[in-house]
Amino acid sequence: MRFISSAVRLAGLSLGLVFAATAVASDESQLIESINVYRSQLQRCAGQVSSELPPLSADPRLVLSATSVVNLQQAMASAGYPMKNVQAISLTGPRDAASAMKAIRESFCQIVLDPQFVDVGVSRQDRDWRIVVARPLLSARLGDWQAEGQKLLAELNTARAQPRQCGAQSFAAATPLTWNATLASAAETHSRSMANNNYFDHKDRDGRTPGDRAELAGYDFQQIAENIAAGQDSARKVVEGWLTSPGHCANLMNPQMRDLGAAYATDPKSDAGIYWTAMFGAQ
């Protein structure tokens, strides 16, 4: 098998024409799901142990030809993807998604476990594969954390409105979540902590868990769950990423959850730039 990687890092690019991309086929989707499962667990890579990482969001602008020589900078400009960093992996030989994932684990774990990347595109032509991971420039159009939290609530309720498969679990459509200001405050505190202290974890720097934070905020709960994300610059992309990750998807589709609080926080000195927290609860 032949494996190649290439990378481009830029402060920004001018927008170009957006190209049309075909729908992601089953093998490509399966590989993205495998990468996200891999990122969601502790992994040993290049002599180090990775931390839990957020799922990558499938972005059609990152679906590039699997066989032709590609200039990543030009491709991102043509696709209208305002990137900060992009990297591509080319594989020749894998016959299916499982074989491609094996090659990625063995030769490119550092790329797919890099916490700065938030989007992914996969293309395949016979036994040629191209996996592109990227981090966009942050949008200047975000509202305050309450406004974006409400957008996240709307996106989650849209997702809950239809039956869904989350990994091996099947979920029926669930009732809408209701905004809860107490959970929102706890979510904002955790997002701010992650951004300012440059970490990504459900445990904060004082060792508190989501349940601890909900209780400290004054939310008397029977159940609590938390999804976190980093790098995505819109509520829509956050939810799209969670839907590709079985564990995150199961949290947001859980029919027993009734309340939601959500928030983001930014810090330009952090690795991901922006961090999101959604707290699901039932009293």
Protein backbone atom coordinates (compact mmCIF):
# COMPACT_ATOMS: atom_id res chain seq x y z
CA MET A 1 0.00 0.00 0.00
CA ARG A 2 1.17 3.55 -0.70
CA PHE A 3 0.48 6.28 1.82
CA ILE A 4 1.11 10.00 1.39
CA SER A 5 0.32 13.00 3.54
CA SER A 6 0.55 16.69 2.78
CA ALA A 7 -0.27 19.83 4.71
CA VAL A 8 -0.87 23.55 4.35
CA ARG A 9 -1.11 26.05 7.22
CA LEU A 10 -2.34 29.58 6.51
CA ALA A 11 -3.77 32.52 8.38
CA GLY A 12 -6.51 32.77 5.77
CA LEU A 13 -7.52 32.52 2.15
CA SER A 14 -9.76 34.57 -0.09
CA LEU A 15 -13.04 32.93 -0.95
CA GLY A 16 -13.40 31.25 -4.31
CA LEU A 17 -16.16 29.47 -6.15
CA VAL A 18 -17.94 26.73 -4.28
CA PHE A 19 -17.80 23.45 -6.15
CA ALA A 20 -20.53 20.81 -6.17
CA ALA A 21 -19.72 17.61 -4.29
CA THR A 22 -21.45 14.29 -4.60
CA ALA A 23 -23.09 12.71 -1.58
CA VAL A 24 -20.78 10.73 0.65
CA ALA A 25 -21.05 7.06 -0.22
CA SER A 26 -21.34 4.30 2.34
CA ASP A 27 -17.63 3.38 2.51
CA GLU A 28 -16.64 7.01 2.89
CA SER A 29 -19.24 7.53 5.62
CA GLN A 30 -18.08 4.38 7.36
CA LEU A 31 -14.49 5.60 7.37
CA ILE A 32 -15.52 8.96 8.86
CA GLU A 33 -17.46 7.14 11.59
CA SER A 34 -14.45 4.90 12.29
CA ILE A 35 -12.15 7.93 12.56
CA ASN A 36 -14.56 9.60 14.99
CA VAL A 37 -14.84 6.47 17.15
CA TYR A 38 -11.03 6.30 17.15
CA ARG A 39 -10.78 9.96 18.23
CA SER A 40 -13.36 9.50 20.99
CA GLN A 41 -11.17 6.98 22.87
CA LEU A 42 -7.75 7.17 24.47
CA GLN A 43 -5.16 6.11 21.90
CA ARG A 44 -1.43 5.51 22.02
CA CYS A 45 0.19 7.34 19.12
CA ALA A 46 3.86 8.19 18.52
CA GLY A 47 4.74 7.26 22.08
CA GLN A 48 2.04 9.42 23.65
CA VAL A 49 -1.51 8.81 24.86
CA SER A 50 -4.14 11.04 23.28
CA SER A 51 -7.05 12.57 25.15
CA GLU A 52 -10.71 12.22 24.16
CA LEU A 53 -11.30 14.32 21.05
CA PRO A 54 -14.47 15.74 19.52
CA PRO A 55 -15.86 14.16 16.35
CA LEU A 56 -14.92 15.59 12.98
CA SER A 57 -17.74 17.06 10.92
CA ALA A 58 -18.14 15.81 7.36
CA ASP A 59 -17.73 18.80 5.04
CA PRO A 60 -18.36 18.33 1.29
CA ARG A 61 -15.90 21.11 0.51
CA LEU A 62 -13.11 18.80 1.72
CA VAL A 63 -14.03 15.96 -0.65
CA LEU A 64 -11.20 16.12 -3.19
CA SER A 65 -10.20 13.77 -5.99
CA ALA A 66 -8.66 10.55 -4.66
CA THR A 67 -6.35 10.11 -7.66
CA SER A 68 -5.30 13.47 -9.07
CA VAL A 69 -2.47 15.66 -7.78
CA VAL A 70 -4.07 18.39 -5.65
CA ASN A 71 -2.74 21.74 -4.47
CA LEU A 72 -4.46 21.97 -1.09
CA GLN A 73 -4.26 25.74 -0.87
CA GLN A 74 -5.85 26.21 -4.29
CA ALA A 75 -8.43 23.50 -3.64
CA MET A 76 -9.58 25.11 -0.40
CA ALA A 77 -9.81 28.52 -2.07
CA SER A 78 -11.82 27.08 -4.97
CA ALA A 79 -14.13 25.26 -2.55
CA GLY A 80 -14.82 28.41 -0.54
CA TYR A 81 -13.39 26.89 2.65
CA PRO A 82 -11.74 29.70 4.68
CA MET A 83 -9.14 27.57 6.39
CA LYS A 84 -6.51 28.05 9.02
CA ASN A 85 -4.90 24.65 8.53
CA VAL A 86 -5.48 21.65 6.28
CA GLN A 87 -3.83 18.27 5.85
CA ALA A 88 -4.44 15.41 3.42
CA ILE A 89 -3.74 11.70 3.61
CA SER A 90 -3.57 9.65 0.39
CA LEU A 91 -3.85 5.87 0.52
CA THR A 92 -3.44 3.35 -2.27
CA GLY A 93 -4.41 -0.25 -1.63
CA PRO A 94 -7.16 -0.51 1.02
CA ARG A 95 -10.12 -2.46 -0.35
CA ASP A 96 -12.66 -1.14 2.18
CA ALA A 97 -13.15 1.34 5.03
CA ALA A 98 -11.85 -1.10 7.64
CA SER A 99 -8.58 -1.58 5.72
CA ALA A 100 -8.25 2.18 5.22
CA MET A 101 -8.77 2.78 8.94
CA LYS A 102 -6.09 0.20 9.76
CA ALA A 103 -3.63 2.05 7.52
CA ILE A 104 -4.54 5.37 9.16
CA ARG A 105 -4.02 3.96 12.66
CA GLU A 106 -0.66 2.51 11.70
CA SER A 107 0.79 5.41 9.70
CA PHE A 108 -1.23 8.58 10.26
CA CYS A 109 -2.49 8.49 13.85
CA GLN A 110 -0.88 11.88 14.57
CA ILE A 111 -2.92 13.54 11.82
CA VAL A 112 -6.36 12.20 12.76
CA LEU A 113 -5.63 12.67 16.49
CA ASP A 114 -4.55 16.30 16.06
CA PRO A 115 -6.98 18.32 18.23
CA GLN A 116 -6.85 21.37 15.97
CA PHE A 117 -8.78 19.65 13.16
CA VAL A 118 -12.59 19.81 13.19
CA ASP A 119 -13.76 18.98 9.64
CA VAL A 120 -13.16 15.99 7.38
CA GLY A 121 -13.79 14.94 3.79
CA VAL A 122 -13.23 11.46 2.37
CA SER A 123 -13.16 10.38 -1.26
CA ARG A 124 -12.52 7.00 -2.84
CA GLN A 125 -11.88 5.71 -6.34
CA ASP A 126 -11.40 1.94 -6.42
CA ARG A 127 -8.45 1.40 -4.01
CA ASP A 128 -7.34 5.03 -3.93
CA TRP A 129 -8.49 7.10 -0.95
CA ARG A 130 -8.01 10.72 0.08
CA ILE A 131 -8.80 11.88 3.61
CA VAL A 132 -8.69 15.66 4.15
CA VAL A 133 -8.86 17.16 7.64
CA ALA A 134 -9.04 20.89 8.23
CA ARG A 135 -9.66 23.67 10.69
CA PRO A 136 -11.54 26.75 9.45
CA LEU A 137 -11.02 30.33 10.43
CA LEU A 138 -13.50 31.30 13.11
CA SER A 139 -16.54 33.20 11.89
CA ALA A 140 -17.02 36.78 13.03
CA ARG A 141 -20.79 36.35 12.82
CA LEU A 142 -21.35 34.51 16.10
CA GLY A 143 -23.75 36.06 18.57
CA ASP A 144 -23.20 36.02 22.32
CA TRP A 145 -23.12 32.69 24.12
CA GLN A 146 -26.82 32.80 25.07
CA ALA A 147 -27.89 33.45 21.48
CA GLU A 148 -25.69 30.68 20.11
CA GLY A 149 -26.85 28.37 22.90
CA GLN A 150 -30.42 28.91 21.74
CA LYS A 151 -29.35 28.10 18.16
CA LEU A 152 -27.78 24.91 19.45
CA LEU A 153 -31.05 24.06 21.20
CA ALA A 154 -32.95 24.54 17.92
CA GLU A 155 -30.49 22.35 16.01
CA LEU A 156 -30.70 19.62 18.65
CA ASN A 157 -34.49 19.67 18.62
CA THR A 158 -34.47 19.39 14.83
CA ALA A 159 -32.23 16.34 15.15
CA ARG A 160 -34.43 14.81 17.86
CA ALA A 161 -37.55 15.23 15.71
CA GLN A 162 -36.73 12.21 13.55
CA PRO A 163 -35.74 8.58 14.23
CA ARG A 164 -32.01 8.03 14.16
CA GLN A 165 -29.35 5.35 14.31
CA CYS A 166 -26.52 6.19 16.70
CA GLY A 167 -23.89 3.54 16.11
CA ALA A 168 -25.52 0.24 17.11
CA GLN A 169 -28.40 1.97 18.94
CA SER A 170 -31.71 2.86 17.32
CA PHE A 171 -33.68 5.83 18.61
CA ALA A 172 -37.23 6.89 17.92
CA ALA A 173 -38.02 10.56 17.50
CA ALA A 174 -37.83 12.32 20.87
CA THR A 175 -39.72 15.24 22.40
CA PRO A 176 -38.09 18.69 22.16
CA LEU A 177 -35.71 19.84 24.84
CA THR A 178 -36.50 22.95 26.90
CA TRP A 179 -33.98 25.69 27.62
CA ASN A 180 -32.76 25.73 31.22
CA ALA A 181 -30.89 28.81 32.41
CA THR A 182 -29.18 26.99 35.29
CA LEU A 183 -27.70 24.35 32.99
CA ALA A 184 -26.78 27.11 30.54
CA SER A 185 -24.77 28.88 33.21
CA ALA A 186 -22.95 25.66 34.07
CA ALA A 187 -22.28 25.05 30.36
CA GLU A 188 -20.86 28.55 29.89
CA THR A 189 -18.56 28.11 32.90
CA HIS A 190 -17.16 24.87 31.48
CA SER A 191 -16.74 26.24 27.96
CA ARG A 192 -14.91 29.25 29.37
CA SER A 193 -12.67 27.00 31.48
CA MET A 194 -11.73 24.85 28.48
CA ALA A 195 -11.02 27.88 26.29
CA ASN A 196 -9.00 29.83 28.83
CA ASN A 197 -7.04 26.81 30.07
CA ASN A 198 -6.63 25.15 26.66
CA TYR A 199 -8.00 21.69 27.40
CA PHE A 200 -10.82 19.48 26.14
CA ASP A 201 -12.35 17.21 28.76
CA HIS A 202 -15.55 16.52 30.66
CA LYS A 203 -13.58 16.92 33.90
CA ASP A 204 -12.59 20.49 34.65
CA ARG A 205 -9.28 21.59 36.11
CA ASP A 206 -10.66 21.10 39.64
CA GLY A 207 -11.70 17.53 38.85
CA ARG A 208 -15.42 18.32 38.72
CA THR A 209 -17.66 16.17 36.51
CA PRO A 210 -20.76 17.36 34.62
CA GLY A 211 -22.90 16.14 37.52
CA ASP A 212 -20.77 18.10 39.98
CA ARG A 213 -21.09 21.26 37.92
CA ALA A 214 -24.86 20.88 37.52
CA GLU A 215 -25.27 20.36 41.26
CA LEU A 216 -23.02 23.29 42.09
CA ALA A 217 -25.09 25.51 39.78
CA GLY A 218 -28.27 24.49 41.61
CA TYR A 219 -29.81 22.05 39.13
CA ASP A 220 -31.52 19.22 41.05
CA PHE A 221 -31.36 16.36 38.57
CA GLN A 222 -32.30 12.75 38.15
CA GLN A 223 -30.11 12.42 35.06
CA ILE A 224 -27.36 14.52 33.54
CA ALA A 225 -25.29 14.18 30.38
CA GLU A 226 -22.86 16.43 28.56
CA ASN A 227 -21.58 16.84 25.01
CA ILE A 228 -18.56 19.01 24.28
CA ALA A 229 -17.06 20.18 21.00
CA ALA A 230 -14.13 22.31 19.90
CA GLY A 231 -13.19 24.20 16.76
CA GLN A 232 -16.57 24.35 15.00
CA ASP A 233 -17.68 27.90 14.30
CA SER A 234 -21.45 27.35 14.18
CA ALA A 235 -24.11 25.51 16.17
CA ARG A 236 -25.11 23.60 13.05
CA LYS A 237 -21.64 22.18 12.56
CA VAL A 238 -21.40 21.26 16.24
CA VAL A 239 -24.56 19.16 16.02
CA GLU A 240 -23.54 17.64 12.69
CA GLY A 241 -20.33 16.49 14.34
CA TRP A 242 -22.15 15.01 17.31
CA LEU A 243 -24.52 13.11 15.03
CA THR A 244 -21.55 11.30 13.46
CA SER A 245 -20.31 10.13 16.88
CA PRO A 246 -22.35 7.26 18.41
CA GLY A 247 -21.89 8.37 22.03
CA HIS A 248 -22.64 12.05 21.42
CA CYS A 249 -25.56 11.08 19.18
CA ALA A 250 -27.02 8.82 21.88
CA ASN A 251 -26.85 11.64 24.43
CA LEU A 252 -28.72 14.09 22.24
CA MET A 253 -31.35 11.51 21.23
CA ASN A 254 -31.94 10.23 24.78
CA PRO A 255 -35.75 10.44 25.22
CA GLN A 256 -35.43 10.77 29.00
CA MET A 257 -33.65 14.11 28.75
CA ARG A 258 -35.93 17.13 29.06
CA ASP A 259 -33.74 20.21 29.68
CA LEU A 260 -30.79 21.78 27.91
CA GLY A 261 -28.25 24.45 28.66
CA ALA A 262 -25.55 25.29 26.11
CA ALA A 263 -22.82 27.84 25.54
CA TYR A 264 -19.57 28.51 23.73
CA ALA A 265 -16.42 30.40 24.70
CA THR A 266 -13.42 31.54 22.66
CA ASP A 267 -9.76 32.19 23.37
CA PRO A 268 -7.40 32.90 20.45
CA LYS A 269 -4.47 31.49 22.43
CA SER A 270 -6.10 28.05 22.71
CA ASP A 271 -5.49 25.16 20.31
CA ALA A 272 -9.06 24.99 18.97
CA GLY A 273 -10.02 28.67 19.38
CA ILE A 274 -13.64 27.93 20.34
CA TYR A 275 -15.18 25.43 22.77
CA TRP A 276 -18.81 24.32 23.15
CA THR A 277 -20.69 22.63 25.98
CA ALA A 278 -24.24 21.24 25.95
CA MET A 279 -25.66 19.92 29.23
CA PHE A 280 -28.71 17.65 29.04
CA GLY A 281 -30.78 17.06 32.16
CA ALA A 282 -33.90 15.53 33.62
CA GLN A 283 -35.32 16.54 37.00
